[in-house]
């Protein structure tokens, strides 16, 4: 089991990769572009961008945790992505590390102290007409299943309560247009998609379980459930049993917003 949330990030990538790939293509990520990926985590968004820009382009990923940046760089080497590199840096204070044709990110803005200020700083390295494209969830829209899975409802309920008690931004996806305006960009085009899976063996269930695993300390802190008594493997098995082969799970929606830097007159 990988530590420091990397297992969750890798499973997350399996769930959200199709949405992110479609979004980046529509945003205009294309061959030979220079792309800055903000909040790279395990590197999966950067790898999608690397495929789109091809060997004549380049992708630089910025990750706040050095161990994650190192792990992402090792994955890039193993995959032969010689045009992808990762840098450990504090995104809340980072200045643009060069000139780029696009700045992208997934599920990172809600983690920043002042996301509009961060975008303004990073956009100083964006070429005229360059792309800015970010995806964020609307966590206030609940995860649902058909038929209802009591085990899933319990697990998701704990996570929702932990987020509320912890002051997590629950509606960042819906706030992206205002955020882009505050950062000095033109009104973005927006899209919304929700990951959906059929059957109890869908990888999205594994993602929810790993997300809950990372929140176990909060369950204790906010007296939601005793972490030592939460059996996530049993919860996963119960969800799979309750959904069977044709049950459906719909995760919280993801908003993608895309704009461009002003062109020189």
Protein backbone atom coordinates (compact mmCIF):
# COMPACT_ATOMS: atom_id res chain seq x y z
CA UNK A 1 0.00 0.00 0.00
CA UNK A 2 1.46 3.36 -1.04
CA UNK A 3 1.60 6.02 1.62
CA UNK A 4 0.82 9.72 1.72
CA UNK A 5 -2.40 9.45 -0.24
CA UNK A 6 -0.75 8.16 -3.42
CA UNK A 7 -3.01 5.12 -3.53
CA UNK A 8 -6.05 7.40 -3.48
CA UNK A 9 -4.54 9.61 -6.18
CA UNK A 10 -3.82 6.67 -8.47
CA UNK A 11 -7.33 5.27 -8.06
CA UNK A 12 -8.73 8.78 -8.53
CA UNK A 13 -6.87 9.00 -11.81
CA UNK A 14 -8.65 5.90 -13.10
CA UNK A 15 -12.02 7.47 -12.34
CA UNK A 16 -11.42 10.97 -13.68
CA UNK A 17 -8.98 10.45 -16.57
CA UNK A 18 -11.69 10.26 -19.29
CA UNK A 19 -13.30 13.49 -18.08
CA UNK A 20 -9.97 15.30 -17.86
CA UNK A 21 -8.78 14.13 -21.26
CA UNK A 22 -11.98 15.34 -22.97
CA UNK A 23 -11.78 18.62 -21.11
CA UNK A 24 -8.16 19.32 -22.03
CA UNK A 25 -8.73 18.51 -25.69
CA UNK A 26 -11.70 20.87 -25.83
CA UNK A 27 -9.69 23.51 -23.95
CA UNK A 28 -7.16 23.51 -26.78
CA UNK A 29 -4.20 21.53 -25.39
CA UNK A 30 -2.43 20.55 -28.60
CA UNK A 31 0.88 19.27 -30.01
CA UNK A 32 4.07 21.24 -29.26
CA UNK A 33 2.52 23.28 -26.45
CA UNK A 34 4.35 24.07 -23.22
CA UNK A 35 2.05 23.21 -20.31
CA UNK A 36 2.24 23.96 -16.58
CA UNK A 37 0.30 21.46 -14.45
CA UNK A 38 -0.51 22.88 -11.02
CA UNK A 39 -0.91 20.51 -8.08
CA UNK A 40 0.32 17.43 -9.91
CA UNK A 41 -0.09 14.84 -7.15
CA UNK A 42 0.94 11.52 -8.67
CA UNK A 43 1.38 13.11 -12.12
CA UNK A 44 -1.66 11.73 -13.91
CA UNK A 45 -2.99 15.02 -15.29
CA UNK A 46 0.52 15.90 -16.48
CA UNK A 47 0.72 12.54 -18.27
CA UNK A 48 -2.56 13.20 -20.08
CA UNK A 49 -1.23 16.60 -21.14
CA UNK A 50 2.04 14.98 -22.23
CA UNK A 51 0.18 12.69 -24.60
CA UNK A 52 -1.66 15.67 -26.08
CA UNK A 53 1.38 17.91 -26.58
CA UNK A 54 3.56 15.08 -27.89
CA UNK A 55 7.38 14.90 -27.89
CA UNK A 56 7.69 18.40 -29.41
CA UNK A 57 5.94 19.90 -26.39
CA UNK A 58 6.74 19.81 -22.70
CA UNK A 59 4.91 19.58 -19.39
CA UNK A 60 6.13 20.89 -16.05
CA UNK A 61 4.24 19.65 -13.00
CA UNK A 62 4.22 21.56 -9.72
CA UNK A 63 3.53 19.59 -6.54
CA UNK A 64 3.62 20.85 -2.98
CA UNK A 65 4.88 17.64 -1.37
CA UNK A 66 8.46 16.69 -2.33
CA UNK A 67 7.80 12.96 -1.92
CA UNK A 68 4.89 13.13 -4.35
CA UNK A 69 6.92 15.14 -6.87
CA UNK A 70 9.69 12.54 -6.64
CA UNK A 71 7.22 9.68 -7.09
CA UNK A 72 5.66 11.42 -10.10
CA UNK A 73 9.11 11.94 -11.66
CA UNK A 74 9.91 8.26 -11.18
CA UNK A 75 6.64 7.33 -12.89
CA UNK A 76 7.53 9.66 -15.77
CA UNK A 77 10.93 8.00 -16.18
CA UNK A 78 9.38 4.54 -16.08
CA UNK A 79 6.85 5.50 -18.74
CA UNK A 80 9.46 7.11 -20.98
CA UNK A 81 7.97 10.60 -20.66
CA UNK A 82 11.20 12.49 -21.22
CA UNK A 83 9.31 15.72 -21.94
CA UNK A 84 7.65 15.74 -18.50
CA UNK A 85 9.28 17.03 -15.31
CA UNK A 86 8.06 17.66 -11.79
CA UNK A 87 9.10 20.33 -9.29
CA UNK A 88 8.32 20.49 -5.58
CA UNK A 89 7.18 24.00 -4.69
CA UNK A 90 4.67 25.86 -2.55
CA UNK A 91 1.83 26.70 -4.94
CA UNK A 92 0.48 29.38 -2.59
CA UNK A 93 3.60 31.49 -3.17
CA UNK A 94 4.99 30.15 -6.46
CA UNK A 95 5.91 32.52 -9.27
CA UNK A 96 5.60 31.28 -12.84
CA UNK A 97 8.64 29.02 -13.47
CA UNK A 98 8.99 30.00 -17.12
CA UNK A 99 6.80 30.78 -20.12
CA UNK A 100 3.88 28.47 -20.96
CA UNK A 101 1.16 28.10 -23.54
CA UNK A 102 -1.26 26.65 -20.99
CA UNK A 103 -1.79 26.37 -17.25
CA UNK A 104 -3.94 23.47 -16.10
CA UNK A 105 -4.97 21.76 -12.88
CA UNK A 106 -7.42 19.32 -11.35
CA UNK A 107 -8.86 19.49 -7.83
CA UNK A 108 -6.16 21.87 -6.59
CA UNK A 109 -7.68 25.35 -6.36
CA UNK A 110 -9.88 24.56 -3.38
CA UNK A 111 -6.73 23.55 -1.47
CA UNK A 112 -5.06 26.97 -1.86
CA UNK A 113 -5.22 29.85 0.60
CA UNK A 114 -5.98 32.40 -2.15
CA UNK A 115 -6.61 30.62 -5.47
CA UNK A 116 -7.27 33.85 -7.40
CA UNK A 117 -3.94 35.30 -6.28
CA UNK A 118 -2.18 32.06 -7.20
CA UNK A 119 -3.69 32.14 -10.68
CA UNK A 120 -2.68 35.77 -11.12
CA UNK A 121 0.93 34.99 -10.22
CA UNK A 122 1.12 31.91 -12.42
CA UNK A 123 -0.52 33.69 -15.36
CA UNK A 124 2.47 36.04 -15.52
CA UNK A 125 4.17 33.18 -17.34
CA UNK A 126 1.28 32.60 -19.74
CA UNK A 127 1.80 33.67 -23.34
CA UNK A 128 -0.71 36.03 -24.92
CA UNK A 129 -3.77 34.01 -25.83
CA UNK A 130 -2.57 31.14 -23.66
CA UNK A 131 -5.00 28.64 -22.14
CA UNK A 132 -5.99 28.43 -18.48
CA UNK A 133 -8.08 25.33 -17.70
CA UNK A 134 -9.04 23.90 -14.32
CA UNK A 135 -11.42 21.24 -13.03
CA UNK A 136 -13.05 21.31 -9.60
CA UNK A 137 -15.81 19.29 -7.93
CA UNK A 138 -19.10 20.44 -6.47
CA UNK A 139 -18.93 18.36 -3.32
CA UNK A 140 -22.17 19.84 -2.02
CA UNK A 141 -23.91 17.68 -4.65
CA UNK A 142 -24.02 14.25 -3.03
CA UNK A 143 -22.81 10.89 -4.23
CA UNK A 144 -25.88 8.77 -5.03
CA UNK A 145 -26.55 5.14 -5.89
CA UNK A 146 -29.40 3.25 -7.51
CA UNK A 147 -30.55 1.14 -5.79
CA UNK A 148 -29.69 2.85 -2.53
CA UNK A 149 -26.71 1.24 -0.84
CA UNK A 150 -26.96 1.73 2.95
CA UNK A 151 -23.25 0.97 3.35
CA UNK A 152 -22.33 3.58 0.73
CA UNK A 153 -24.71 6.13 2.24
CA UNK A 154 -23.08 5.67 5.65
CA UNK A 155 -19.55 6.02 4.27
CA UNK A 156 -20.36 9.08 2.18
CA UNK A 157 -22.29 10.62 5.08
CA UNK A 158 -19.23 10.37 7.31
CA UNK A 159 -17.04 12.01 4.65
CA UNK A 160 -19.55 14.80 4.00
CA UNK A 161 -19.76 15.56 7.73
CA UNK A 162 -15.96 15.58 8.07
CA UNK A 163 -15.69 18.06 5.20
CA UNK A 164 -18.32 20.34 6.71
CA UNK A 165 -16.71 20.23 10.14
CA UNK A 166 -13.28 20.79 8.61
CA UNK A 167 -14.37 23.85 6.63
CA UNK A 168 -13.63 22.28 3.25
CA UNK A 169 -14.75 24.32 0.24
CA UNK A 170 -17.70 22.31 -1.07
CA UNK A 171 -18.70 24.32 -4.13
CA UNK A 172 -15.43 25.33 -5.80
CA UNK A 173 -16.58 23.96 -9.15
CA UNK A 174 -19.52 26.35 -9.17
CA UNK A 175 -17.27 29.23 -8.13
CA UNK A 176 -14.78 28.85 -10.99
CA UNK A 177 -16.27 31.60 -13.21
CA UNK A 178 -16.06 34.15 -10.38
CA UNK A 179 -12.57 32.93 -9.50
CA UNK A 180 -11.38 33.33 -13.09
CA UNK A 181 -12.77 36.87 -13.16
CA UNK A 182 -11.00 37.72 -9.89
CA UNK A 183 -7.76 36.40 -11.39
CA UNK A 184 -8.13 38.71 -14.40
CA UNK A 185 -9.32 36.25 -17.04
CA UNK A 186 -12.25 36.61 -19.38
CA UNK A 187 -15.46 34.78 -18.52
CA UNK A 188 -14.62 31.09 -18.99
CA UNK A 189 -16.48 28.48 -20.94
CA UNK A 190 -17.70 25.80 -18.54
CA UNK A 191 -18.76 22.18 -18.67
CA UNK A 192 -20.02 19.72 -16.10
CA UNK A 193 -19.71 15.94 -15.96
CA UNK A 194 -20.25 13.33 -13.26
CA UNK A 195 -18.35 10.04 -13.13
CA UNK A 196 -20.82 7.17 -13.22
CA UNK A 197 -20.21 3.46 -12.89
CA UNK A 198 -22.24 0.28 -13.12
CA UNK A 199 -21.84 -2.66 -10.78
CA UNK A 200 -20.26 -3.17 -7.40
CA UNK A 201 -16.82 -3.77 -8.91
CA UNK A 202 -16.59 -0.23 -10.38
CA UNK A 203 -13.28 1.46 -9.54
CA UNK A 204 -15.17 4.52 -8.28
CA UNK A 205 -16.13 2.54 -5.19
CA UNK A 206 -12.45 1.88 -4.49
CA UNK A 207 -11.85 5.61 -4.88
CA UNK A 208 -14.49 6.46 -2.28
CA UNK A 209 -13.03 3.90 0.12
CA UNK A 210 -9.51 5.32 -0.29
CA UNK A 211 -10.85 8.86 0.16
CA UNK A 212 -12.48 7.74 3.40
CA UNK A 213 -9.21 6.11 4.48
CA UNK A 214 -7.44 9.43 4.20
CA UNK A 215 -10.15 11.08 6.31
CA UNK A 216 -10.12 8.58 9.18
CA UNK A 217 -8.25 10.96 11.53
CA UNK A 218 -10.99 13.54 10.97
CA UNK A 219 -13.64 10.99 11.91
CA UNK A 220 -11.99 10.82 15.32
CA UNK A 221 -11.31 14.54 15.68
CA UNK A 222 -14.90 15.53 14.91
CA UNK A 223 -16.38 12.52 16.76
CA UNK A 224 -18.10 11.26 13.63
CA UNK A 225 -17.02 7.65 14.04
CA UNK A 226 -14.23 5.87 15.91
CA UNK A 227 -11.57 5.34 13.27
CA UNK A 228 -10.28 2.21 14.95
CA UNK A 229 -13.71 0.63 14.55
CA UNK A 230 -14.23 1.64 10.91
CA UNK A 231 -13.63 -1.43 8.73
CA UNK A 232 -13.25 0.00 5.25
CA UNK A 233 -12.67 -3.38 3.61
CA UNK A 234 -15.94 -4.62 5.09
CA UNK A 235 -17.66 -1.43 3.94
CA UNK A 236 -16.37 -1.94 0.40
CA UNK A 237 -17.62 -5.53 0.39
CA UNK A 238 -21.02 -4.42 1.65
CA UNK A 239 -21.35 -1.76 -1.06
CA UNK A 240 -20.44 -4.29 -3.75
CA UNK A 241 -22.97 -6.75 -2.37
CA UNK A 242 -25.75 -4.14 -2.14
CA UNK A 243 -25.17 -2.84 -5.67
CA UNK A 244 -24.75 -6.22 -7.33
CA UNK A 245 -23.97 -6.38 -11.04
CA UNK A 246 -26.22 -3.58 -12.29
CA UNK A 247 -26.35 -1.02 -9.49
CA UNK A 248 -25.24 2.49 -10.44
CA UNK A 249 -23.10 4.99 -8.52
CA UNK A 250 -22.92 8.65 -9.53
CA UNK A 251 -20.13 10.73 -7.98
CA UNK A 252 -20.27 14.45 -7.29
CA UNK A 253 -20.16 16.55 -10.47
CA UNK A 254 -16.95 18.03 -11.86
CA UNK A 255 -16.92 21.48 -13.45
CA UNK A 256 -14.28 22.36 -16.01
CA UNK A 257 -13.62 26.03 -16.73
CA UNK A 258 -11.43 27.30 -19.55
CA UNK A 259 -10.37 30.81 -20.57
CA UNK A 260 -7.46 32.48 -22.32
CA UNK A 261 -4.98 35.17 -21.41
CA UNK A 262 -5.56 38.53 -23.05
CA UNK A 263 -3.81 38.97 -26.38
CA UNK A 264 -1.44 41.87 -26.94
CA UNK A 265 -2.90 44.74 -28.94
